[in-house]
Amino acid sequence: MAYDEGLAQRVRELLEEEHGFDEKRMFGGIGFLIYGNMACGIIGDDLIVRVGTENYEDLLRLPHVRKFDLTGRAMRGWLMISPEGCETDEDLSGWIDRCLDFALSLPPK
């Protein structure tokens, strides 16, 4: 499965200065890691963000957001954001800030 290269570049530009940043192909798309912990990724045209469980239910109520589910079993703490939900730089930056905050709260791998 291909992924949106333009979106990947926008995410890369927001994260590449972060210490511990890395990226790798996964889930048929691309994942962005901080100190070995996945923070976000892209599958197809969707942004996947790891936000943890604390505000998960509230974030699910936002427009263009749905559960991250590739297998029929949703991964709690992970969200899929449709292209409309990260069209603007402000929207994308907000999602990246959320997943970066969560990834930095985890111990390095």
PDB file of N, CA and C in Angstrom:
ATOM      1  N   MET A   1       0.853  -1.181   0.000  1.00  0.00           N
ATOM      2  CA  MET A   1       0.000   0.000   0.000  1.00  0.00           C
ATOM      3  C   MET A   1       0.897   1.242   0.000  1.00  0.00           C
ATOM      4  N   ALA A   2       0.624   2.144  -0.862  1.00  0.00           N
ATOM      5  CA  ALA A   2       1.379   3.396  -0.928  1.00  0.00           C
ATOM      6  C   ALA A   2       0.873   4.354   0.152  1.00  0.00           C
ATOM      7  N   TYR A   3       1.670   5.359   0.424  1.00  0.00           N
ATOM      8  CA  TYR A   3       1.257   6.370   1.393  1.00  0.00           C
ATOM      9  C   TYR A   3       1.494   7.752   0.783  1.00  0.00           C
ATOM     10  N   ASP A   4       0.822   8.731   1.340  1.00  0.00           N
ATOM     11  CA  ASP A   4       0.875  10.098   0.839  1.00  0.00           C
ATOM     12  C   ASP A   4       2.260  10.696   1.127  1.00  0.00           C
ATOM     13  N   GLU A   5       3.085  10.784   0.098  1.00  0.00           N
ATOM     14  CA  GLU A   5       4.454  11.296   0.246  1.00  0.00           C
ATOM     15  C   GLU A   5       4.468  12.766   0.661  1.00  0.00           C
ATOM     16  N   GLY A   6       3.500  13.537   0.182  1.00  0.00           N
ATOM     17  CA  GLY A   6       3.423  14.949   0.555  1.00  0.00           C
ATOM     18  C   GLY A   6       3.153  15.118   2.042  1.00  0.00           C
ATOM     19  N   LEU A   7       2.212  14.326   2.556  1.00  0.00           N
ATOM     20  CA  LEU A   7       1.919  14.361   3.988  1.00  0.00           C
ATOM     21  C   LEU A   7       3.134  13.891   4.780  1.00  0.00           C
ATOM     22  N   ALA A   8       3.803  12.849   4.290  1.00  0.00           N
ATOM     23  CA  ALA A   8       5.001  12.347   4.972  1.00  0.00           C
ATOM     24  C   ALA A   8       6.064  13.443   5.073  1.00  0.00           C
ATOM     25  N   GLN A   9       6.244  14.204   4.022  1.00  0.00           N
ATOM     26  CA  GLN A   9       7.238  15.276   4.058  1.00  0.00           C
ATOM     27  C   GLN A   9       6.844  16.372   5.040  1.00  0.00           C
ATOM     28  N   ARG A  10       5.564  16.696   5.092  1.00  0.00           N
ATOM     29  CA  ARG A  10       5.096  17.703   6.057  1.00  0.00           C
ATOM     30  C   ARG A  10       5.347  17.241   7.488  1.00  0.00           C
ATOM     31  N   VAL A  11       5.067  15.956   7.769  1.00  0.00           N
ATOM     32  CA  VAL A  11       5.304  15.400   9.111  1.00  0.00           C
ATOM     33  C   VAL A  11       6.804  15.395   9.402  1.00  0.00           C
ATOM     34  N   ARG A  12       7.586  14.954   8.433  1.00  0.00           N
ATOM     35  CA  ARG A  12       9.042  14.901   8.582  1.00  0.00           C
ATOM     36  C   ARG A  12       9.599  16.280   8.952  1.00  0.00           C
ATOM     37  N   GLU A  13       9.107  17.315   8.294  1.00  0.00           N
ATOM     38  CA  GLU A  13       9.588  18.674   8.568  1.00  0.00           C
ATOM     39  C   GLU A  13       9.256  19.123   9.993  1.00  0.00           C
ATOM     40  N   LEU A  14       8.161  18.623  10.535  1.00  0.00           N
ATOM     41  CA  LEU A  14       7.793  18.978  11.910  1.00  0.00           C
ATOM     42  C   LEU A  14       8.598  18.197  12.950  1.00  0.00           C
ATOM     43  N   LEU A  15       9.075  17.013  12.583  1.00  0.00           N
ATOM     44  CA  LEU A  15       9.744  16.140  13.557  1.00  0.00           C
ATOM     45  C   LEU A  15      11.245  16.014  13.398  1.00  0.00           C
ATOM     46  N   GLU A  16      11.789  16.345  12.238  1.00  0.00           N
ATOM     47  CA  GLU A  16      13.184  16.001  11.952  1.00  0.00           C
ATOM     48  C   GLU A  16      14.205  16.663  12.880  1.00  0.00           C
ATOM     49  N   GLU A  17      13.869  17.756  13.508  1.00  0.00           N
ATOM     50  CA  GLU A  17      14.791  18.410  14.442  1.00  0.00           C
ATOM     51  C   GLU A  17      14.696  17.822  15.851  1.00  0.00           C
ATOM     52  N   GLU A  18      13.713  16.972  16.072  1.00  0.00           N
ATOM     53  CA  GLU A  18      13.490  16.375  17.395  1.00  0.00           C
ATOM     54  C   GLU A  18      14.578  15.337  17.675  1.00  0.00           C
ATOM     55  N   HIS A  19      15.180  15.404  18.864  1.00  0.00           N
ATOM     56  CA  HIS A  19      16.163  14.398  19.251  1.00  0.00           C
ATOM     57  C   HIS A  19      15.489  13.023  19.266  1.00  0.00           C
ATOM     58  N   GLY A  20      16.196  12.017  18.798  1.00  0.00           N
ATOM     59  CA  GLY A  20      15.673  10.658  18.809  1.00  0.00           C
ATOM     60  C   GLY A  20      14.761  10.334  17.645  1.00  0.00           C
ATOM     61  N   PHE A  21      14.638  11.244  16.673  1.00  0.00           N
ATOM     62  CA  PHE A  21      13.739  11.037  15.532  1.00  0.00           C
ATOM     63  C   PHE A  21      14.288   9.964  14.593  1.00  0.00           C
ATOM     64  N   ASP A  22      13.382   9.130  14.112  1.00  0.00           N
ATOM     65  CA  ASP A  22      13.702   8.125  13.099  1.00  0.00           C
ATOM     66  C   ASP A  22      12.419   7.812  12.342  1.00  0.00           C
ATOM     67  N   GLU A  23      12.548   7.189  11.206  1.00  0.00           N
ATOM     68  CA  GLU A  23      11.369   6.754  10.460  1.00  0.00           C
ATOM     69  C   GLU A  23      11.646   5.392   9.856  1.00  0.00           C
ATOM     70  N   LYS A  24      10.589   4.622   9.680  1.00  0.00           N
ATOM     71  CA  LYS A  24      10.725   3.315   9.039  1.00  0.00           C
ATOM     72  C   LYS A  24       9.409   2.918   8.400  1.00  0.00           C
ATOM     73  N   ARG A  25       9.522   2.104   7.405  1.00  0.00           N
ATOM     74  CA  ARG A  25       8.335   1.587   6.731  1.00  0.00           C
ATOM     75  C   ARG A  25       7.675   0.539   7.630  1.00  0.00           C
ATOM     76  N   MET A  26       6.361   0.670   7.782  1.00  0.00           N
ATOM     77  CA  MET A  26       5.598  -0.287   8.590  1.00  0.00           C
ATOM     78  C   MET A  26       4.120  -0.167   8.256  1.00  0.00           C
ATOM     79  N   PHE A  27       3.354  -1.170   8.554  1.00  0.00           N
ATOM     80  CA  PHE A  27       1.907  -1.202   8.309  1.00  0.00           C
ATOM     81  C   PHE A  27       1.578  -0.935   6.839  1.00  0.00           C
ATOM     82  N   GLY A  28       2.491  -1.162   5.933  1.00  0.00           N
ATOM     83  CA  GLY A  28       2.253  -0.833   4.540  1.00  0.00           C
ATOM     84  C   GLY A  28       2.351   0.659   4.290  1.00  0.00           C
ATOM     85  N   GLY A  29       2.862   1.401   5.251  1.00  0.00           N
ATOM     86  CA  GLY A  29       3.031   2.846   5.132  1.00  0.00           C
ATOM     87  C   GLY A  29       4.365   3.238   5.718  1.00  0.00           C
ATOM     88  N   ILE A  30       4.366   4.330   6.461  1.00  0.00           N
ATOM     89  CA  ILE A  30       5.587   4.808   7.091  1.00  0.00           C
ATOM     90  C   ILE A  30       5.280   5.214   8.528  1.00  0.00           C
ATOM     91  N   GLY A  31       6.207   4.903   9.417  1.00  0.00           N
ATOM     92  CA  GLY A  31       6.069   5.273  10.817  1.00  0.00           C
ATOM     93  C   GLY A  31       7.168   6.236  11.218  1.00  0.00           C
ATOM     94  N   PHE A  32       6.836   7.161  12.096  1.00  0.00           N
ATOM     95  CA  PHE A  32       7.784   8.133  12.619  1.00  0.00           C
ATOM     96  C   PHE A  32       7.969   7.852  14.100  1.00  0.00           C
ATOM     97  N   LEU A  33       9.213   7.659  14.501  1.00  0.00           N
ATOM     98  CA  LEU A  33       9.532   7.241  15.858  1.00  0.00           C
ATOM     99  C   LEU A  33      10.346   8.306  16.583  1.00  0.00           C
ATOM    100  N   ILE A  34      10.164   8.342  17.890  1.00  0.00           N
ATOM    101  CA  ILE A  34      10.953   9.179  18.768  1.00  0.00           C
ATOM    102  C   ILE A  34      11.568   8.262  19.818  1.00  0.00           C
ATOM    103  N   TYR A  35      12.885   8.188  19.829  1.00  0.00           N
ATOM    104  CA  TYR A  35      13.611   7.292  20.741  1.00  0.00           C
ATOM    105  C   TYR A  35      13.068   5.861  20.667  1.00  0.00           C
ATOM    106  N   GLY A  36      12.747   5.414  19.470  1.00  0.00           N
ATOM    107  CA  GLY A  36      12.298   4.040  19.264  1.00  0.00           C
ATOM    108  C   GLY A  36      10.824   3.794  19.487  1.00  0.00           C
ATOM    109  N   ASN A  37      10.090   4.776  19.973  1.00  0.00           N
ATOM    110  CA  ASN A  37       8.650   4.650  20.188  1.00  0.00           C
ATOM    111  C   ASN A  37       7.908   5.305  19.034  1.00  0.00           C
ATOM    112  N   MET A  38       6.966   4.576  18.459  1.00  0.00           N
ATOM    113  CA  MET A  38       6.213   5.166  17.367  1.00  0.00           C
ATOM    114  C   MET A  38       5.353   6.307  17.893  1.00  0.00           C
ATOM    115  N   ALA A  39       5.449   7.447  17.218  1.00  0.00           N
ATOM    116  CA  ALA A  39       4.651   8.618  17.570  1.00  0.00           C
ATOM    117  C   ALA A  39       3.485   8.781  16.604  1.00  0.00           C
ATOM    118  N   CYS A  40       3.762   8.589  15.325  1.00  0.00           N
ATOM    119  CA  CYS A  40       2.730   8.753  14.314  1.00  0.00           C
ATOM    120  C   CYS A  40       3.170   8.035  13.048  1.00  0.00           C
ATOM    121  N   GLY A  41       2.289   8.027  12.078  1.00  0.00           N
ATOM    122  CA  GLY A  41       2.605   7.393  10.812  1.00  0.00           C
ATOM    123  C   GLY A  41       1.579   7.761   9.766  1.00  0.00           C
ATOM    124  N   ILE A  42       1.767   7.191   8.598  1.00  0.00           N
ATOM    125  CA  ILE A  42       0.842   7.431   7.495  1.00  0.00           C
ATOM    126  C   ILE A  42       0.568   6.108   6.807  1.00  0.00           C
ATOM    127  N   ILE A  43      -0.701   5.831   6.613  1.00  0.00           N
ATOM    128  CA  ILE A  43      -1.144   4.691   5.822  1.00  0.00           C
ATOM    129  C   ILE A  43      -2.097   5.236   4.777  1.00  0.00           C
ATOM    130  N   GLY A  44      -1.766   5.027   3.528  1.00  0.00           N
ATOM    131  CA  GLY A  44      -2.582   5.608   2.463  1.00  0.00           C
ATOM    132  C   GLY A  44      -2.551   7.121   2.583  1.00  0.00           C
ATOM    133  N   ASP A  45      -3.726   7.719   2.696  1.00  0.00           N
ATOM    134  CA  ASP A  45      -3.838   9.167   2.858  1.00  0.00           C
ATOM    135  C   ASP A  45      -4.094   9.575   4.304  1.00  0.00           C
ATOM    136  N   ASP A  46      -4.166   8.610   5.205  1.00  0.00           N
ATOM    137  CA  ASP A  46      -4.514   8.880   6.599  1.00  0.00           C
ATOM    138  C   ASP A  46      -3.289   9.054   7.477  1.00  0.00           C
ATOM    139  N   LEU A  47      -3.377  10.008   8.386  1.00  0.00           N
ATOM    140  CA  LEU A  47      -2.374  10.200   9.421  1.00  0.00           C
ATOM    141  C   LEU A  47      -2.772   9.333  10.605  1.00  0.00           C
ATOM    142  N   ILE A  48      -1.832   8.571  11.142  1.00  0.00           N
ATOM    143  CA  ILE A  48      -2.065   7.767  12.338  1.00  0.00           C
ATOM    144  C   ILE A  48      -1.305   8.448  13.464  1.00  0.00           C
ATOM    145  N   VAL A  49      -1.983   8.701  14.577  1.00  0.00           N
ATOM    146  CA  VAL A  49      -1.342   9.352  15.707  1.00  0.00           C
ATOM    147  C   VAL A  49      -1.517   8.508  16.959  1.00  0.00           C
ATOM    148  N   ARG A  50      -0.452   8.450  17.735  1.00  0.00           N
ATOM    149  CA  ARG A  50      -0.465   7.733  19.013  1.00  0.00           C
ATOM    150  C   ARG A  50      -0.595   8.786  20.104  1.00  0.00           C
ATOM    151  N   VAL A  51      -1.745   8.785  20.762  1.00  0.00           N
ATOM    152  CA  VAL A  51      -2.040   9.834  21.741  1.00  0.00           C
ATOM    153  C   VAL A  51      -2.235   9.293  23.154  1.00  0.00           C
ATOM    154  N   GLY A  52      -2.204   7.986  23.320  1.00  0.00           N
ATOM    155  CA  GLY A  52      -2.442   7.406  24.634  1.00  0.00           C
ATOM    156  C   GLY A  52      -3.930   7.327  24.937  1.00  0.00           C
ATOM    157  N   THR A  53      -4.245   6.879  26.122  1.00  0.00           N
ATOM    158  CA  THR A  53      -5.651   6.631  26.459  1.00  0.00           C
ATOM    159  C   THR A  53      -6.316   7.749  27.255  1.00  0.00           C
ATOM    160  N   GLU A  54      -5.520   8.665  27.804  1.00  0.00           N
ATOM    161  CA  GLU A  54      -6.078   9.680  28.695  1.00  0.00           C
ATOM    162  C   GLU A  54      -7.185  10.518  28.049  1.00  0.00           C
ATOM    163  N   ASN A  55      -6.954  11.060  26.874  1.00  0.00           N
ATOM    164  CA  ASN A  55      -7.948  11.895  26.183  1.00  0.00           C
ATOM    165  C   ASN A  55      -8.511  11.216  24.933  1.00  0.00           C
ATOM    166  N   TYR A  56      -8.290   9.933  24.826  1.00  0.00           N
ATOM    167  CA  TYR A  56      -8.656   9.170  23.632  1.00  0.00           C
ATOM    168  C   TYR A  56     -10.128   9.348  23.244  1.00  0.00           C
ATOM    169  N   GLU A  57     -11.033   9.149  24.171  1.00  0.00           N
ATOM    170  CA  GLU A  57     -12.469   9.237  23.864  1.00  0.00           C
ATOM    171  C   GLU A  57     -12.864  10.646  23.421  1.00  0.00           C
ATOM    172  N   ASP A  58     -12.308  11.663  24.061  1.00  0.00           N
ATOM    173  CA  ASP A  58     -12.607  13.048  23.667  1.00  0.00           C
ATOM    174  C   ASP A  58     -12.096  13.339  22.269  1.00  0.00           C
ATOM    175  N   LEU A  59     -10.890  12.880  21.965  1.00  0.00           N
ATOM    176  CA  LEU A  59     -10.323  13.124  20.639  1.00  0.00           C
ATOM    177  C   LEU A  59     -11.099  12.397  19.548  1.00  0.00           C
ATOM    178  N   LEU A  60     -11.665  11.247  19.873  1.00  0.00           N
ATOM    179  CA  LEU A  60     -12.476  10.507  18.900  1.00  0.00           C
ATOM    180  C   LEU A  60     -13.707  11.295  18.448  1.00  0.00           C
ATOM    181  N   ARG A  61     -14.142  12.234  19.247  1.00  0.00           N
ATOM    182  CA  ARG A  61     -15.330  13.026  18.910  1.00  0.00           C
ATOM    183  C   ARG A  61     -15.017  14.177  17.955  1.00  0.00           C
ATOM    184  N   LEU A  62     -13.760  14.438  17.701  1.00  0.00           N
ATOM    185  CA  LEU A  62     -13.390  15.525  16.805  1.00  0.00           C
ATOM    186  C   LEU A  62     -13.676  15.151  15.354  1.00  0.00           C
ATOM    187  N   PRO A  63     -13.908  16.152  14.519  1.00  0.00           N
ATOM    188  CA  PRO A  63     -14.160  15.868  13.093  1.00  0.00           C
ATOM    189  C   PRO A  63     -12.956  15.190  12.436  1.00  0.00           C
ATOM    190  N   HIS A  64     -13.237  14.289  11.519  1.00  0.00           N
ATOM    191  CA  HIS A  64     -12.233  13.610  10.684  1.00  0.00           C
ATOM    192  C   HIS A  64     -11.355  12.636  11.455  1.00  0.00           C
ATOM    193  N   VAL A  65     -11.809  12.198  12.634  1.00  0.00           N
ATOM    194  CA  VAL A  65     -11.039  11.298  13.490  1.00  0.00           C
ATOM    195  C   VAL A  65     -11.807   9.986  13.641  1.00  0.00           C
ATOM    196  N   ARG A  66     -11.079   8.878  13.574  1.00  0.00           N
ATOM    197  CA  ARG A  66     -11.695   7.567  13.825  1.00  0.00           C
ATOM    198  C   ARG A  66     -10.664   6.661  14.502  1.00  0.00           C
ATOM    199  N   LYS A  67     -11.146   5.550  14.979  1.00  0.00           N
ATOM    200  CA  LYS A  67     -10.264   4.588  15.637  1.00  0.00           C
ATOM    201  C   LYS A  67      -9.270   4.010  14.632  1.00  0.00           C
ATOM    202  N   PHE A  68      -8.080   3.707  15.113  1.00  0.00           N
ATOM    203  CA  PHE A  68      -7.059   3.051  14.296  1.00  0.00           C
ATOM    204  C   PHE A  68      -7.343   1.559  14.338  1.00  0.00           C
ATOM    205  N   ASP A  69      -7.764   1.026  13.216  1.00  0.00           N
ATOM    206  CA  ASP A  69      -8.191  -0.365  13.150  1.00  0.00           C
ATOM    207  C   ASP A  69      -7.800  -0.946  11.798  1.00  0.00           C
ATOM    208  N   LEU A  70      -6.790  -1.802  11.806  1.00  0.00           N
ATOM    209  CA  LEU A  70      -6.367  -2.466  10.580  1.00  0.00           C
ATOM    210  C   LEU A  70      -6.802  -3.924  10.531  1.00  0.00           C
ATOM    211  N   THR A  71      -7.185  -4.469  11.681  1.00  0.00           N
ATOM    212  CA  THR A  71      -7.420  -5.911  11.785  1.00  0.00           C
ATOM    213  C   THR A  71      -8.823  -6.282  12.243  1.00  0.00           C
ATOM    214  N   GLY A  72      -9.683  -5.300  12.461  1.00  0.00           N
ATOM    215  CA  GLY A  72     -10.990  -5.585  13.029  1.00  0.00           C
ATOM    216  C   GLY A  72     -11.012  -5.387  14.531  1.00  0.00           C
ATOM    217  N   ARG A  73      -9.872  -5.043  15.086  1.00  0.00           N
ATOM    218  CA  ARG A  73      -9.763  -4.774  16.521  1.00  0.00           C
ATOM    219  C   ARG A  73      -9.009  -3.454  16.697  1.00  0.00           C
ATOM    220  N   ALA A  74      -9.716  -2.425  17.118  1.00  0.00           N
ATOM    221  CA  ALA A  74      -9.131  -1.087  17.247  1.00  0.00           C
ATOM    222  C   ALA A  74      -8.009  -1.078  18.274  1.00  0.00           C
ATOM    223  N   MET A  75      -6.996  -0.281  17.995  1.00  0.00           N
ATOM    224  CA  MET A  75      -5.884  -0.100  18.925  1.00  0.00           C
ATOM    225  C   MET A  75      -6.175   1.137  19.765  1.00  0.00           C
ATOM    226  N   ARG A  76      -6.556   0.920  21.002  1.00  0.00           N
ATOM    227  CA  ARG A  76      -6.892   2.030  21.901  1.00  0.00           C
ATOM    228  C   ARG A  76      -5.661   2.903  22.124  1.00  0.00           C
ATOM    229  N   GLY A  77      -5.870   4.203  22.072  1.00  0.00           N
ATOM    230  CA  GLY A  77      -4.768   5.143  22.231  1.00  0.00           C
ATOM    231  C   GLY A  77      -4.166   5.600  20.914  1.00  0.00           C
ATOM    232  N   TRP A  78      -4.646   5.010  19.819  1.00  0.00           N
ATOM    233  CA  TRP A  78      -4.189   5.358  18.477  1.00  0.00           C
ATOM    234  C   TRP A  78      -5.399   5.845  17.678  1.00  0.00           C
ATOM    235  N   LEU A  79      -5.193   6.858  16.851  1.00  0.00           N
ATOM    236  CA  LEU A  79      -6.277   7.426  16.045  1.00  0.00           C
ATOM    237  C   LEU A  79      -5.856   7.539  14.587  1.00  0.00           C
ATOM    238  N   MET A  80      -6.827   7.498  13.714  1.00  0.00           N
ATOM    239  CA  MET A  80      -6.615   7.765  12.296  1.00  0.00           C
ATOM    240  C   MET A  80      -7.281   9.093  11.974  1.00  0.00           C
ATOM    241  N   ILE A  81      -6.535   9.957  11.315  1.00  0.00           N
ATOM    242  CA  ILE A  81      -7.026  11.272  10.944  1.00  0.00           C
ATOM    243  C   ILE A  81      -7.137  11.310   9.423  1.00  0.00           C
ATOM    244  N   SER A  82      -8.323  11.569   8.917  1.00  0.00           N
ATOM    245  CA  SER A  82      -8.516  11.621   7.468  1.00  0.00           C
ATOM    246  C   SER A  82      -7.804  12.842   6.901  1.00  0.00           C
ATOM    247  N   PRO A  83      -7.569  12.875   5.599  1.00  0.00           N
ATOM    248  CA  PRO A  83      -6.853  14.009   4.996  1.00  0.00           C
ATOM    249  C   PRO A  83      -7.454  15.374   5.347  1.00  0.00           C
ATOM    250  N   GLU A  84      -8.767  15.447   5.452  1.00  0.00           N
ATOM    251  CA  GLU A  84      -9.412  16.723   5.788  1.00  0.00           C
ATOM    252  C   GLU A  84      -9.033  17.203   7.187  1.00  0.00           C
ATOM    253  N   GLY A  85      -8.665  16.296   8.061  1.00  0.00           N
ATOM    254  CA  GLY A  85      -8.321  16.640   9.437  1.00  0.00           C
ATOM    255  C   GLY A  85      -6.907  17.167   9.617  1.00  0.00           C
ATOM    256  N   CYS A  86      -6.109  17.096   8.559  1.00  0.00           N
ATOM    257  CA  CYS A  86      -4.741  17.622   8.663  1.00  0.00           C
ATOM    258  C   CYS A  86      -4.367  18.408   7.410  1.00  0.00           C
ATOM    259  N   GLU A  87      -5.372  18.996   6.781  1.00  0.00           N
ATOM    260  CA  GLU A  87      -5.134  19.799   5.575  1.00  0.00           C
ATOM    261  C   GLU A  87      -4.274  21.019   5.856  1.00  0.00           C
ATOM    262  N   THR A  88      -4.590  21.732   6.916  1.00  0.00           N
ATOM    263  CA  THR A  88      -3.846  22.958   7.205  1.00  0.00           C
ATOM    264  C   THR A  88      -2.610  22.624   8.039  1.00  0.00           C
ATOM    265  N   ASP A  89      -1.618  23.492   7.950  1.00  0.00           N
ATOM    266  CA  ASP A  89      -0.412  23.301   8.757  1.00  0.00           C
ATOM    267  C   ASP A  89      -0.741  23.363  10.235  1.00  0.00           C
ATOM    268  N   GLU A  90      -1.692  24.212  10.600  1.00  0.00           N
ATOM    269  CA  GLU A  90      -2.098  24.336  12.000  1.00  0.00           C
ATOM    270  C   GLU A  90      -2.724  23.030  12.511  1.00  0.00           C
ATOM    271  N   ASP A  91      -3.604  22.437  11.715  1.00  0.00           N
ATOM    272  CA  ASP A  91      -4.219  21.166  12.112  1.00  0.00           C
ATOM    273  C   ASP A  91      -3.166  20.071  12.249  1.00  0.00           C
ATOM    274  N   LEU A  92      -2.299  19.957  11.257  1.00  0.00           N
ATOM    275  CA  LEU A  92      -1.270  18.921  11.293  1.00  0.00           C
ATOM    276  C   LEU A  92      -0.343  19.130  12.491  1.00  0.00           C
ATOM    277  N   SER A  93       0.080  20.339  12.706  1.00  0.00           N
ATOM    278  CA  SER A  93       0.967  20.641  13.822  1.00  0.00           C
ATOM    279  C   SER A  93       0.324  20.283  15.162  1.00  0.00           C
ATOM    280  N   GLY A  94      -0.969  20.522  15.295  1.00  0.00           N
ATOM    281  CA  GLY A  94      -1.669  20.161  16.530  1.00  0.00           C
ATOM    282  C   GLY A  94      -1.634  18.670  16.786  1.00  0.00           C
ATOM    283  N   TRP A  95      -1.848  17.867  15.743  1.00  0.00           N
ATOM    284  CA  TRP A  95      -1.798  16.407  15.899  1.00  0.00           C
ATOM    285  C   TRP A  95      -0.379  15.944  16.209  1.00  0.00           C
ATOM    286  N   ILE A  96       0.595  16.530  15.531  1.00  0.00           N
ATOM    287  CA  ILE A  96       1.985  16.137  15.771  1.00  0.00           C
ATOM    288  C   ILE A  96       2.399  16.505  17.196  1.00  0.00           C
ATOM    289  N   ASP A  97       1.975  17.655  17.682  1.00  0.00           N
ATOM    290  CA  ASP A  97       2.278  18.034  19.068  1.00  0.00           C
ATOM    291  C   ASP A  97       1.705  17.024  20.048  1.00  0.00           C
ATOM    292  N   ARG A  98       0.472  16.572  19.809  1.00  0.00           N
ATOM    293  CA  ARG A  98      -0.152  15.593  20.712  1.00  0.00           C
ATOM    294  C   ARG A  98       0.627  14.282  20.730  1.00  0.00           C
ATOM    295  N   CYS A  99       0.956  13.770  19.552  1.00  0.00           N
ATOM    296  CA  CYS A  99       1.634  12.471  19.534  1.00  0.00           C
ATOM    297  C   CYS A  99       3.080  12.597  19.999  1.00  0.00           C
ATOM    298  N   LEU A 100       3.704  13.730  19.769  1.00  0.00           N
ATOM    299  CA  LEU A 100       5.057  13.950  20.260  1.00  0.00           C
ATOM    300  C   LEU A 100       5.067  14.004  21.787  1.00  0.00           C
ATOM    301  N   ASP A 101       4.107  14.704  22.368  1.00  0.00           N
ATOM    302  CA  ASP A 101       3.996  14.744  23.829  1.00  0.00           C
ATOM    303  C   ASP A 101       3.873  13.340  24.400  1.00  0.00           C
ATOM    304  N   PHE A 102       3.042  12.514  23.765  1.00  0.00           N
ATOM    305  CA  PHE A 102       2.864  11.157  24.276  1.00  0.00           C
ATOM    306  C   PHE A 102       4.140  10.337  24.101  1.00  0.00           C
ATOM    307  N   ALA A 103       4.745  10.390  22.921  1.00  0.00           N
ATOM    308  CA  ALA A 103       5.954   9.596  22.673  1.00  0.00           C
ATOM    309  C   ALA A 103       7.078   9.986  23.636  1.00  0.00           C
ATOM    310  N   LEU A 104       7.186  11.268  23.946  1.00  0.00           N
ATOM    311  CA  LEU A 104       8.243  11.703  24.848  1.00  0.00           C
ATOM    312  C   LEU A 104       7.966  11.332  26.304  1.00  0.00           C
ATOM    313  N   SER A 105       6.731  10.934  26.604  1.00  0.00           N
ATOM    314  CA  SER A 105       6.415  10.486  27.963  1.00  0.00           C
ATOM    315  C   SER A 105       6.803   9.030  28.198  1.00  0.00           C
ATOM    316  N   LEU A 106       7.182   8.324  27.131  1.00  0.00           N
ATOM    317  CA  LEU A 106       7.532   6.911  27.215  1.00  0.00           C
ATOM    318  C   LEU A 106       9.042   6.744  27.388  1.00  0.00           C
ATOM    319  N   PRO A 107       9.460   5.663  28.047  1.00  0.00           N
ATOM    320  CA  PRO A 107      10.904   5.427  28.155  1.00  0.00           C
ATOM    321  C   PRO A 107      11.484   5.065  26.782  1.00  0.00           C
ATOM    322  N   PRO A 108      12.703   5.493  26.490  1.00  0.00           N
ATOM    323  CA  PRO A 108      13.335   5.138  25.204  1.00  0.00           C
ATOM    324  C   PRO A 108      13.461   3.635  25.060  1.00  0.00           C
ATOM    325  N   LYS A 109      13.403   3.173  23.822  1.00  0.00           N
ATOM    326  CA  LYS A 109      13.598   1.730  23.553  1.00  0.00           C
ATOM    327  C   LYS A 109      15.013   1.484  23.140  1.00  0.00           C
TER     328      LYS A 109
END
